[in-house]
N, C-alpha and C. Protein backbone atom coordinates (compact mmCIF):
# COMPACT_ATOMS: atom_id res chain seq x y z
N UNK A 1 40.90 -5.01 80.23
CA UNK A 1 40.37 -6.02 81.15
C UNK A 1 40.30 -5.51 82.58
N UNK A 2 41.13 -4.52 82.90
CA UNK A 2 41.09 -3.96 84.26
C UNK A 2 39.76 -3.27 84.52
N UNK A 3 39.20 -2.61 83.51
CA UNK A 3 37.91 -1.96 83.66
C UNK A 3 36.81 -2.98 83.90
N UNK A 4 36.86 -4.08 83.18
CA UNK A 4 35.88 -5.15 83.38
C UNK A 4 36.00 -5.73 84.78
N UNK A 5 37.22 -5.96 85.23
CA UNK A 5 37.43 -6.51 86.56
C UNK A 5 36.90 -5.56 87.64
N UNK A 6 37.16 -4.26 87.47
CA UNK A 6 36.67 -3.28 88.45
C UNK A 6 35.14 -3.25 88.49
N UNK A 7 34.51 -3.21 87.32
CA UNK A 7 33.05 -3.16 87.27
C UNK A 7 32.42 -4.43 87.86
N UNK A 8 32.99 -5.58 87.57
CA UNK A 8 32.46 -6.84 88.10
C UNK A 8 32.64 -6.90 89.61
N UNK A 9 33.79 -6.45 90.10
CA UNK A 9 34.02 -6.46 91.56
C UNK A 9 33.04 -5.55 92.28
N UNK A 10 32.82 -4.35 91.73
CA UNK A 10 31.87 -3.42 92.36
C UNK A 10 30.47 -4.02 92.36
N UNK A 11 30.14 -4.77 91.32
CA UNK A 11 28.80 -5.36 91.22
C UNK A 11 28.64 -6.56 92.15
N UNK A 12 29.67 -7.40 92.26
CA UNK A 12 29.51 -8.67 92.96
C UNK A 12 29.90 -8.67 94.43
N UNK A 13 30.77 -7.78 94.85
CA UNK A 13 31.22 -7.79 96.25
C UNK A 13 30.06 -7.63 97.23
N UNK A 14 29.12 -6.71 96.98
CA UNK A 14 27.98 -6.64 97.93
C UNK A 14 27.15 -7.93 97.97
N UNK A 15 27.03 -8.61 96.84
CA UNK A 15 26.26 -9.86 96.82
C UNK A 15 26.96 -10.95 97.62
N UNK A 16 28.28 -10.96 97.59
CA UNK A 16 29.02 -11.95 98.38
C UNK A 16 28.92 -11.68 99.87
N UNK A 17 28.62 -10.43 100.23
CA UNK A 17 28.47 -10.04 101.63
C UNK A 17 27.02 -10.15 102.11
N UNK A 18 26.14 -10.65 101.25
CA UNK A 18 24.75 -10.83 101.65
C UNK A 18 23.81 -9.72 101.21
N UNK A 19 24.32 -8.75 100.47
CA UNK A 19 23.48 -7.64 100.00
C UNK A 19 22.99 -7.89 98.58
N UNK A 20 22.48 -6.84 97.98
CA UNK A 20 21.99 -6.93 96.61
C UNK A 20 23.12 -6.60 95.63
N UNK A 21 22.96 -7.05 94.38
CA UNK A 21 23.92 -6.68 93.34
C UNK A 21 23.93 -5.16 93.18
N UNK A 22 25.10 -4.61 92.97
CA UNK A 22 25.28 -3.18 92.77
C UNK A 22 24.75 -2.32 93.92
N UNK A 23 24.79 -2.84 95.13
CA UNK A 23 24.36 -2.07 96.30
C UNK A 23 25.34 -0.93 96.55
N UNK A 24 24.81 0.26 96.79
CA UNK A 24 25.65 1.43 96.98
C UNK A 24 26.34 1.39 98.34
N UNK A 25 27.57 1.86 98.34
CA UNK A 25 28.31 2.04 99.59
C UNK A 25 29.03 3.37 99.51
N UNK A 26 29.09 4.14 100.50
CA UNK A 26 28.45 3.98 101.80
C UNK A 26 26.94 4.19 101.72
N UNK A 27 26.26 3.71 102.72
CA UNK A 27 24.80 3.80 102.76
C UNK A 27 24.29 5.21 102.96
N UNK A 28 22.99 5.37 102.89
CA UNK A 28 22.38 6.69 103.09
C UNK A 28 22.69 7.25 104.47
N UNK A 29 23.07 8.51 104.49
CA UNK A 29 23.35 9.18 105.75
C UNK A 29 24.75 8.97 106.28
N UNK A 30 25.53 8.13 105.63
CA UNK A 30 26.89 7.86 106.09
C UNK A 30 27.84 8.94 105.58
N UNK A 31 28.95 9.08 106.25
CA UNK A 31 29.97 10.04 105.85
C UNK A 31 30.64 9.55 104.55
N UNK A 32 30.80 10.47 103.60
CA UNK A 32 31.35 10.12 102.29
C UNK A 32 32.69 10.84 102.12
N UNK A 33 33.69 10.11 101.65
CA UNK A 33 34.99 10.72 101.35
C UNK A 33 34.89 11.52 100.06
N UNK A 34 35.63 12.62 100.01
CA UNK A 34 35.60 13.49 98.84
C UNK A 34 37.01 13.71 98.30
N UNK A 35 37.10 13.87 96.98
CA UNK A 35 38.31 14.36 96.32
C UNK A 35 37.86 15.59 95.56
N UNK A 36 38.09 16.74 96.12
CA UNK A 36 37.52 17.96 95.55
C UNK A 36 36.02 17.93 95.72
N UNK A 37 35.29 17.99 94.60
CA UNK A 37 33.83 17.90 94.67
C UNK A 37 33.34 16.50 94.33
N UNK A 38 34.25 15.59 94.00
CA UNK A 38 33.88 14.22 93.63
C UNK A 38 33.70 13.37 94.87
N UNK A 39 32.51 12.76 95.02
CA UNK A 39 32.26 11.84 96.13
C UNK A 39 32.75 10.46 95.75
N UNK A 40 33.51 9.83 96.64
CA UNK A 40 34.04 8.49 96.38
C UNK A 40 33.04 7.45 96.86
N UNK A 41 32.13 7.07 95.97
CA UNK A 41 31.10 6.07 96.26
C UNK A 41 31.17 4.99 95.19
N UNK A 42 30.55 3.85 95.43
CA UNK A 42 30.66 2.73 94.51
C UNK A 42 30.14 3.02 93.09
N UNK A 43 29.11 3.83 92.89
CA UNK A 43 28.72 4.11 91.50
C UNK A 43 29.83 4.80 90.70
N UNK A 44 30.64 5.60 91.36
CA UNK A 44 31.76 6.24 90.67
C UNK A 44 32.78 5.18 90.24
N UNK A 45 33.07 4.24 91.11
CA UNK A 45 34.01 3.17 90.76
C UNK A 45 33.46 2.32 89.62
N UNK A 46 32.16 2.03 89.64
CA UNK A 46 31.55 1.25 88.56
C UNK A 46 31.64 2.01 87.24
N UNK A 47 31.34 3.30 87.27
CA UNK A 47 31.40 4.11 86.06
C UNK A 47 32.83 4.19 85.51
N UNK A 48 33.82 4.30 86.39
CA UNK A 48 35.21 4.31 85.94
C UNK A 48 35.59 2.97 85.30
N UNK A 49 35.09 1.87 85.84
CA UNK A 49 35.35 0.56 85.25
C UNK A 49 34.75 0.43 83.87
N UNK A 50 33.51 0.89 83.72
CA UNK A 50 32.85 0.83 82.41
C UNK A 50 33.56 1.75 81.42
N UNK A 51 33.97 2.94 81.88
CA UNK A 51 34.71 3.86 81.02
C UNK A 51 36.01 3.23 80.52
N UNK A 52 36.76 2.60 81.42
CA UNK A 52 38.02 1.95 81.04
C UNK A 52 37.78 0.81 80.06
N UNK A 53 36.71 0.06 80.26
CA UNK A 53 36.38 -1.05 79.36
C UNK A 53 36.05 -0.54 77.97
N UNK A 54 35.23 0.50 77.87
CA UNK A 54 34.84 1.06 76.56
C UNK A 54 36.05 1.69 75.89
N UNK A 55 36.85 2.44 76.64
CA UNK A 55 38.03 3.08 76.06
C UNK A 55 39.02 2.04 75.55
N UNK A 56 39.26 1.01 76.33
CA UNK A 56 40.18 -0.05 75.91
C UNK A 56 39.68 -0.78 74.68
N UNK A 57 38.38 -1.02 74.61
CA UNK A 57 37.81 -1.68 73.43
C UNK A 57 37.96 -0.80 72.19
N UNK A 58 37.69 0.49 72.34
CA UNK A 58 37.80 1.41 71.21
C UNK A 58 39.24 1.49 70.71
N UNK A 59 40.20 1.57 71.62
CA UNK A 59 41.60 1.63 71.23
C UNK A 59 42.02 0.34 70.53
N UNK A 60 41.57 -0.81 71.03
CA UNK A 60 41.91 -2.09 70.41
C UNK A 60 41.32 -2.18 68.99
N UNK A 61 40.09 -1.74 68.81
CA UNK A 61 39.46 -1.78 67.48
C UNK A 61 40.19 -0.84 66.52
N UNK A 62 40.51 0.37 66.97
CA UNK A 62 41.24 1.32 66.12
C UNK A 62 42.61 0.76 65.76
N UNK A 63 43.28 0.11 66.70
CA UNK A 63 44.59 -0.48 66.43
C UNK A 63 44.49 -1.60 65.40
N UNK A 64 43.45 -2.43 65.51
CA UNK A 64 43.28 -3.52 64.53
C UNK A 64 42.97 -2.96 63.14
N UNK A 65 42.15 -1.92 63.06
CA UNK A 65 41.83 -1.32 61.76
C UNK A 65 43.08 -0.68 61.17
N UNK A 66 43.85 0.02 61.99
CA UNK A 66 45.07 0.68 61.50
C UNK A 66 46.10 -0.35 61.03
N UNK A 67 46.21 -1.46 61.74
CA UNK A 67 47.16 -2.50 61.34
C UNK A 67 46.73 -3.13 60.02
N UNK A 68 45.43 -3.28 59.83
CA UNK A 68 44.94 -3.83 58.56
C UNK A 68 45.15 -2.86 57.41
N UNK A 69 44.99 -1.59 57.65
CA UNK A 69 45.19 -0.58 56.60
C UNK A 69 46.67 -0.48 56.24
N UNK A 70 47.55 -0.68 57.20
CA UNK A 70 48.98 -0.61 56.94
C UNK A 70 49.47 -1.76 56.07
N UNK A 71 48.84 -2.93 56.16
CA UNK A 71 49.23 -4.09 55.36
C UNK A 71 48.83 -3.93 53.90
N UNK A 72 47.70 -3.25 53.65
CA UNK A 72 47.20 -3.14 52.28
C UNK A 72 47.95 -2.08 51.48
N UNK A 73 48.52 -1.13 52.13
CA UNK A 73 49.14 -0.18 51.26
C UNK A 73 49.73 0.99 51.84
């Protein structure tokens, strides 16, 4: 659920501030913070949220299948 919350926040915060949904920050030409070669911009945060959501869903499905297989035998 943390991934879903992160992705929704990245999508909706610009709209609450009067911008468009999924508006990039920082804007064009602005200084961007870096961690190594990774630029810290909103699309990276959105992608991390989607990644966490998909990974969490996959783990939950595998856990449910494994629990069902353990009951049968």
